[in-house]
N, C-alpha and C. Protein backbone atom coordinates (compact mmCIF):
# COMPACT_ATOMS: atom_id res chain seq x y z
N MET A 1 139.25 39.13 138.55
CA MET A 1 139.06 40.70 138.41
C MET A 1 137.44 40.38 137.62
N ASP A 2 136.50 41.21 137.66
CA ASP A 2 135.17 41.26 137.00
C ASP A 2 135.30 42.32 135.82
N ILE A 3 134.35 42.37 135.04
CA ILE A 3 134.11 43.14 134.05
C ILE A 3 133.98 44.55 134.52
N GLU A 4 132.88 44.95 135.49
CA GLU A 4 133.03 46.26 135.94
C GLU A 4 134.31 47.03 136.45
N SER A 5 135.17 46.30 137.07
CA SER A 5 136.57 46.65 137.29
C SER A 5 137.41 46.90 136.10
N LEU A 6 137.46 45.96 135.14
CA LEU A 6 138.53 45.99 134.04
C LEU A 6 137.83 47.29 133.27
N ILE A 7 136.35 47.68 133.20
CA ILE A 7 135.89 48.79 132.24
C ILE A 7 136.33 50.07 133.04
N SER A 8 136.05 49.94 134.23
CA SER A 8 136.79 51.40 135.21
C SER A 8 138.03 51.68 135.05
N GLN A 9 139.26 50.69 134.95
CA GLN A 9 140.56 50.72 134.74
C GLN A 9 140.75 51.42 133.39
N THR A 10 140.09 50.84 132.13
CA THR A 10 140.16 51.15 130.87
C THR A 10 139.88 52.60 130.67
N GLU A 11 138.44 52.86 131.47
CA GLU A 11 138.17 54.63 131.35
C GLU A 11 139.16 55.42 132.10
N ALA A 12 139.65 54.83 132.91
CA ALA A 12 140.74 55.74 133.91
C ALA A 12 142.19 55.98 132.89
N LEU A 13 142.57 55.14 132.13
CA LEU A 13 143.68 55.44 131.24
C LEU A 13 143.96 56.79 130.37
N SER A 14 144.71 57.28 130.33
CA SER A 14 144.66 58.51 129.60
C SER A 14 146.13 58.79 129.27
N TRP A 15 146.12 59.61 128.07
CA TRP A 15 147.48 59.87 127.51
C TRP A 15 148.18 61.21 128.55
N GLN A 16 147.60 61.65 129.25
CA GLN A 16 148.01 62.72 130.03
C GLN A 16 149.16 62.15 131.20
N ASP A 17 148.88 60.78 131.45
CA ASP A 17 149.73 60.16 132.13
C ASP A 17 151.26 59.73 131.69
N LEU A 18 151.33 59.70 130.26
CA LEU A 18 152.47 59.42 129.44
C LEU A 18 153.28 60.68 129.32
N ASN A 19 154.46 60.61 129.53
CA ASN A 19 155.62 61.87 129.42
C ASN A 19 156.42 61.66 128.43
N PHE A 20 156.11 61.84 127.22
CA PHE A 20 157.37 61.78 126.01
C PHE A 20 157.64 63.09 125.60
N GLU A 21 159.07 63.05 125.72
CA GLU A 21 159.77 64.51 125.50
C GLU A 21 160.34 64.39 124.18
N PRO A 22 160.00 65.49 123.33
CA PRO A 22 160.58 65.53 121.73
C PRO A 22 161.92 65.40 121.99
N THR A 23 162.38 65.17 120.95
CA THR A 23 163.94 65.59 120.56
C THR A 23 164.24 66.16 119.11
N PRO A 24 163.80 67.71 119.33
CA PRO A 24 163.90 68.24 117.87
C PRO A 24 165.04 68.32 117.22
N GLU A 25 166.10 68.27 117.67
CA GLU A 25 167.54 68.33 116.91
C GLU A 25 167.59 66.94 116.30
N THR A 26 167.32 65.94 116.94
CA THR A 26 167.38 64.68 116.40
C THR A 26 166.17 64.52 115.10
N ALA A 27 164.76 64.91 115.38
CA ALA A 27 164.07 64.92 114.32
C ALA A 27 164.25 65.29 113.30
N ARG A 28 165.03 66.64 113.19
CA ARG A 28 165.29 67.62 112.15
C ARG A 28 166.48 66.84 111.25
N THR A 29 167.53 66.24 111.91
CA THR A 29 168.56 65.23 111.57
C THR A 29 168.01 64.55 110.33
N ILE A 30 166.98 63.71 111.14
CA ILE A 30 166.50 62.69 110.42
C ILE A 30 165.64 63.23 109.23
N SER A 31 164.60 64.03 109.28
CA SER A 31 164.02 64.25 108.59
C SER A 31 164.73 65.22 107.16
N ASP A 32 165.87 65.89 107.64
CA ASP A 32 166.74 66.20 106.30
C ASP A 32 167.29 65.38 105.61
N SER A 33 167.46 63.86 106.16
CA SER A 33 168.18 62.89 105.14
C SER A 33 167.02 61.80 104.79
N MET A 34 166.12 62.20 104.82
CA MET A 34 164.54 61.19 104.62
C MET A 34 163.42 61.54 103.78
N LEU A 35 162.98 60.89 102.94
CA LEU A 35 161.83 61.42 102.05
C LEU A 35 160.75 60.13 102.16
N LEU A 36 159.76 60.63 102.26
CA LEU A 36 158.38 59.25 102.10
C LEU A 36 158.16 59.38 100.39
N GLU A 37 157.67 58.23 100.14
CA GLU A 37 157.17 58.16 98.82
C GLU A 37 155.86 57.08 98.60
N ARG A 38 155.18 57.72 97.68
CA ARG A 38 153.86 56.70 97.51
C ARG A 38 153.89 56.83 95.99
N LEU A 39 153.45 55.61 95.34
CA LEU A 39 153.34 55.38 94.15
C LEU A 39 151.81 55.09 93.57
N VAL A 40 151.38 56.18 92.93
CA VAL A 40 149.89 56.30 92.31
C VAL A 40 149.88 55.66 91.09
N ALA A 41 148.66 54.77 90.94
CA ALA A 41 148.60 53.95 89.83
C ALA A 41 146.99 53.63 89.73
N ASP A 42 146.58 53.59 88.68
CA ASP A 42 145.10 53.31 88.17
C ASP A 42 144.58 51.71 88.30
N ARG A 43 145.79 50.83 88.69
CA ARG A 43 145.39 49.45 88.84
C ARG A 43 146.35 48.83 90.03
N PRO A 44 145.86 48.01 90.54
CA PRO A 44 146.67 47.44 91.66
C PRO A 44 148.03 47.18 91.26
N LEU A 45 149.01 47.35 91.84
CA LEU A 45 150.61 46.73 91.40
C LEU A 45 151.13 45.92 92.49
N ASN A 46 151.77 44.94 92.22
CA ASN A 46 152.40 43.93 93.15
C ASN A 46 153.68 44.72 93.92
N LYS A 47 153.46 44.97 95.13
CA LYS A 47 153.82 45.87 96.11
C LYS A 47 155.66 45.14 96.30
N PHE A 48 155.46 43.98 96.57
CA PHE A 48 156.82 43.23 96.17
C PHE A 48 157.67 43.61 95.15
N VAL A 49 157.20 43.31 94.14
CA VAL A 49 157.90 43.88 92.85
C VAL A 49 158.07 45.22 92.54
N VAL A 50 157.47 46.24 93.05
CA VAL A 50 157.62 47.54 92.95
C VAL A 50 158.90 47.75 93.75
N HIS A 51 158.64 47.37 95.15
CA HIS A 51 159.66 47.66 96.17
C HIS A 51 161.23 47.03 95.72
N SER A 52 161.04 45.83 95.17
CA SER A 52 162.45 45.28 94.75
C SER A 52 162.96 45.98 93.48
N SER A 53 162.00 46.28 92.61
CA SER A 53 162.72 47.19 91.51
C SER A 53 163.20 48.47 91.99
N ILE A 54 162.65 49.25 92.98
CA ILE A 54 163.33 50.36 93.31
C ILE A 54 164.51 49.95 94.04
N MET A 55 164.55 49.16 94.70
CA MET A 55 165.78 48.57 95.53
C MET A 55 167.11 48.30 94.46
N GLU A 56 166.44 47.70 93.33
CA GLU A 56 167.59 47.58 92.19
C GLU A 56 168.21 48.70 91.51
N LEU A 57 167.35 49.66 91.54
CA LEU A 57 167.72 51.15 90.82
C LEU A 57 168.79 51.56 91.91
N HIS A 58 168.32 51.57 93.10
CA HIS A 58 169.28 52.42 93.93
C HIS A 58 169.92 51.52 95.13
N PRO A 59 170.68 50.62 94.99
CA PRO A 59 170.68 49.41 95.93
C PRO A 59 171.82 49.90 97.11
N LYS A 60 172.27 51.42 97.00
CA LYS A 60 173.24 51.80 98.04
C LYS A 60 172.19 52.71 98.67
N ILE A 61 170.98 53.05 98.14
CA ILE A 61 170.22 54.11 99.19
C ILE A 61 169.24 53.16 99.82
N PRO A 62 169.22 53.54 101.11
CA PRO A 62 168.54 52.65 101.99
C PRO A 62 167.03 52.86 101.86
N HIS A 63 165.88 51.81 101.70
CA HIS A 63 164.53 52.03 101.75
C HIS A 63 164.07 51.27 102.82
N ARG A 64 162.71 51.83 103.18
CA ARG A 64 162.04 51.01 104.31
C ARG A 64 160.54 51.24 103.94
N ARG A 65 160.01 50.20 104.10
CA ARG A 65 158.44 50.11 103.71
C ARG A 65 157.81 50.59 105.28
N PHE A 66 156.80 51.54 105.25
CA PHE A 66 155.79 51.83 106.23
C PHE A 66 154.37 51.69 105.45
N GLY A 67 153.72 50.51 106.38
CA GLY A 67 152.31 50.28 106.02
C GLY A 67 152.33 49.76 104.63
N SER A 68 151.04 49.66 104.07
CA SER A 68 150.90 49.39 102.79
C SER A 68 151.26 50.10 101.48
N GLN A 69 151.06 51.28 102.02
CA GLN A 69 151.25 52.33 100.66
C GLN A 69 152.60 53.44 100.81
N TYR A 70 153.49 53.19 101.69
CA TYR A 70 154.48 54.33 101.95
C TYR A 70 155.87 53.48 101.79
N VAL A 71 156.88 54.31 101.46
CA VAL A 71 158.09 53.89 101.54
C VAL A 71 159.16 55.02 102.09
N SER A 72 160.19 54.82 102.49
CA SER A 72 160.83 56.14 103.06
C SER A 72 162.17 55.44 102.62
N ILE A 73 162.99 56.69 101.98
CA ILE A 73 164.03 56.82 101.52
C ILE A 73 165.19 57.37 102.28
N HIS A 74 166.35 57.09 102.69
CA HIS A 74 167.24 57.37 103.85
C HIS A 74 168.25 57.84 102.77
N PHE A 75 169.07 59.40 102.91
CA PHE A 75 170.05 59.60 102.36
C PHE A 75 171.28 59.80 103.40
N SER A 76 172.48 59.60 103.08
CA SER A 76 173.71 59.90 104.10
C SER A 76 173.94 61.36 104.16
N LEU A 77 173.47 62.31 102.89
CA LEU A 77 173.52 63.76 103.26
C LEU A 77 172.35 64.25 102.74
N SER A 78 172.26 65.66 103.18
CA SER A 78 170.83 66.06 102.99
C SER A 78 170.63 66.57 101.58
N SER A 79 171.93 66.66 101.14
CA SER A 79 171.98 67.24 99.55
C SER A 79 171.28 66.18 98.51
N GLY A 80 171.47 64.86 99.06
CA GLY A 80 170.84 63.83 98.29
C GLY A 80 169.35 64.02 98.29
N GLN A 81 168.84 64.50 99.40
CA GLN A 81 167.29 64.85 99.33
C GLN A 81 166.79 65.92 98.51
N THR A 82 167.60 66.86 98.89
CA THR A 82 167.25 68.32 97.92
C THR A 82 167.39 67.77 96.46
N GLN A 83 168.32 66.76 96.09
CA GLN A 83 168.54 66.91 94.45
C GLN A 83 167.11 66.14 94.36
N VAL A 84 167.05 65.13 94.85
CA VAL A 84 165.60 64.19 94.54
C VAL A 84 164.25 65.15 94.40
N LEU A 85 164.12 66.15 95.50
CA LEU A 85 163.03 66.89 95.25
C LEU A 85 162.92 67.81 94.46
N ASN A 86 164.33 68.48 93.78
CA ASN A 86 164.33 69.49 93.01
C ASN A 86 164.43 68.81 91.55
N GLN A 87 164.08 67.74 91.37
CA GLN A 87 164.05 66.86 90.01
C GLN A 87 162.63 66.07 89.90
N ALA A 88 161.88 66.75 90.81
CA ALA A 88 160.62 66.38 90.72
C ALA A 88 159.59 66.76 89.55
N PRO A 89 158.49 66.20 89.09
CA PRO A 89 157.84 64.94 89.85
C PRO A 89 158.87 63.60 88.79
N TRP A 90 158.61 62.82 89.52
CA TRP A 90 159.14 61.33 89.26
C TRP A 90 158.15 60.31 88.75
N ASN A 91 158.41 59.55 88.01
CA ASN A 91 157.61 58.52 87.65
C ASN A 91 158.22 57.00 87.94
N PHE A 92 157.47 56.12 88.11
CA PHE A 92 158.26 54.69 88.24
C PHE A 92 157.38 53.76 87.23
N LYS A 93 157.84 53.26 86.22
CA LYS A 93 157.33 52.35 85.08
C LYS A 93 155.84 53.00 84.74
N GLY A 94 155.99 54.39 84.63
CA GLY A 94 154.51 55.05 83.74
C GLY A 94 153.88 55.52 85.04
N HIS A 95 153.99 55.47 86.14
CA HIS A 95 153.11 55.68 87.23
C HIS A 95 153.93 56.91 88.03
N LEU A 96 152.74 57.94 88.50
CA LEU A 96 153.47 59.01 89.38
C LEU A 96 154.04 58.49 90.67
N LEU A 97 155.20 58.95 90.85
CA LEU A 97 155.65 58.71 92.38
C LEU A 97 156.07 60.08 93.09
N ILE A 98 154.87 59.93 93.97
CA ILE A 98 154.76 61.40 94.92
C ILE A 98 156.13 60.96 95.96
N ILE A 99 156.50 62.20 96.17
CA ILE A 99 157.72 62.00 97.26
C ILE A 99 157.82 63.30 97.94
N LYS A 100 157.80 63.34 98.99
CA LYS A 100 157.73 64.35 100.01
C LYS A 100 158.42 64.20 101.27
N PRO A 101 159.19 65.42 102.08
CA PRO A 101 159.77 65.18 103.07
C PRO A 101 158.90 64.69 104.06
N TRP A 102 159.57 64.10 105.46
CA TRP A 102 158.59 63.90 106.57
C TRP A 102 159.04 65.21 107.71
N SER A 103 158.12 65.87 107.91
CA SER A 103 158.32 66.92 108.81
C SER A 103 158.37 66.48 110.16
N PRO A 104 159.26 67.00 110.97
CA PRO A 104 159.67 66.72 112.41
C PRO A 104 158.34 66.25 113.35
N GLY A 105 157.30 67.33 113.30
CA GLY A 105 156.40 67.33 114.15
C GLY A 105 155.18 66.69 113.66
N SER A 106 155.21 65.86 112.54
CA SER A 106 154.12 65.00 111.98
C SER A 106 154.30 63.83 111.84
N THR A 107 152.98 62.99 112.10
CA THR A 107 152.95 61.61 112.16
C THR A 107 152.79 61.46 110.54
N LEU A 108 152.95 59.88 110.42
CA LEU A 108 152.73 59.39 109.02
C LEU A 108 151.57 59.73 108.59
N GLN A 109 150.71 59.68 109.55
CA GLN A 109 148.90 59.63 108.86
C GLN A 109 148.78 61.18 108.67
N GLU A 110 149.48 62.06 109.07
CA GLU A 110 149.58 63.53 109.00
C GLU A 110 150.00 64.07 107.65
N ILE A 111 150.79 63.14 106.91
CA ILE A 111 151.39 63.70 106.02
C ILE A 111 150.66 63.25 104.51
N SER A 112 150.44 64.10 103.91
CA SER A 112 149.68 63.76 102.72
C SER A 112 150.45 63.61 101.47
N LEU A 113 150.48 62.61 101.10
CA LEU A 113 150.86 62.01 99.64
C LEU A 113 149.95 61.95 98.71
N ARG A 114 149.14 62.81 98.42
CA ARG A 114 147.95 62.88 97.59
C ARG A 114 147.85 63.98 96.45
N HIS A 115 149.35 64.90 96.53
CA HIS A 115 149.48 66.05 95.79
C HIS A 115 150.84 65.72 95.31
N SER A 116 151.22 66.35 94.01
CA SER A 116 152.21 66.41 93.63
C SER A 116 152.56 67.92 92.87
N ILE A 117 154.09 68.42 93.23
CA ILE A 117 154.07 69.63 92.35
C ILE A 117 154.57 69.29 90.58
N PHE A 118 154.00 70.06 89.61
CA PHE A 118 154.66 69.95 88.56
C PHE A 118 154.79 71.31 88.04
N ASN A 119 156.29 71.50 87.26
CA ASN A 119 156.41 72.56 86.78
C ASN A 119 155.96 73.00 85.32
N ILE A 120 155.35 73.79 84.94
CA ILE A 120 154.88 73.90 83.44
C ILE A 120 155.63 75.22 82.81
N GLN A 121 155.70 75.20 81.38
CA GLN A 121 156.16 76.18 80.96
C GLN A 121 154.86 76.46 79.72
N ILE A 122 154.95 78.00 79.64
CA ILE A 122 153.88 78.35 78.62
C ILE A 122 154.71 79.22 77.48
N HIS A 123 154.96 78.35 76.55
CA HIS A 123 155.45 79.57 75.24
C HIS A 123 154.30 80.31 74.68
N GLY A 124 155.01 81.54 74.27
CA GLY A 124 154.39 82.80 73.62
C GLY A 124 153.55 83.34 74.35
N LEU A 125 153.61 83.16 75.92
CA LEU A 125 152.63 84.04 76.43
C LEU A 125 153.11 85.35 76.43
N PRO A 126 152.30 86.65 76.32
CA PRO A 126 152.40 87.93 75.81
C PRO A 126 153.23 88.61 77.27
N LEU A 127 153.88 89.27 77.55
CA LEU A 127 154.36 90.07 78.23
C LEU A 127 153.56 90.45 79.35
N ASP A 128 152.55 91.23 79.04
CA ASP A 128 151.69 91.86 80.12
C ASP A 128 150.68 90.81 80.83
N HIS A 129 151.10 89.38 80.38
CA HIS A 129 150.34 88.30 81.36
C HIS A 129 151.36 87.67 81.99
N MET A 130 152.64 87.95 81.92
CA MET A 130 153.80 87.41 82.88
C MET A 130 153.72 88.24 84.11
N THR A 131 152.76 87.57 85.04
CA THR A 131 152.63 88.31 86.39
C THR A 131 153.06 87.25 87.51
N LEU A 132 153.25 87.52 88.59
CA LEU A 132 153.14 86.60 89.72
C LEU A 132 151.91 85.96 89.95
N LYS A 133 150.93 86.57 89.70
CA LYS A 133 149.59 86.03 90.06
C LYS A 133 148.82 85.05 89.05
N ASN A 134 149.52 85.25 87.55
CA ASN A 134 149.25 84.12 86.75
C ASN A 134 150.35 83.05 87.22
N ALA A 135 151.35 83.14 87.65
CA ALA A 135 152.27 82.10 87.84
C ALA A 135 152.13 81.35 89.18
N THR A 136 151.30 81.95 89.87
CA THR A 136 150.79 80.87 91.07
C THR A 136 149.65 80.36 90.97
């Protein structure tokens, strides 16, 4: 096989030839019981030590590493996922731990683990400043 033939075969490749069929029900079931997490630190951390420490904290909750930055947490019930999300923000050894659900139609690269939600309270706010606009 010569180079020209190989180039023409490569150029002829297309995603259109592949027929992947999504399974929304299965994806929803998985996403309802799984979270992705990313540890934000201002210095490099030993990923093995971090992962091992997280595993020691919750040995009965399965964790799995995705690439160099992400870890997935799997819950047997979706209520576990909801409880973890409702108690955010989380920190691990003083570093922010961003946790988000994996949406069924998204790839790992499409999920942004760069933002976290924080709840704040403002004491002594006058009544006329307690508006929906000021709250958002």
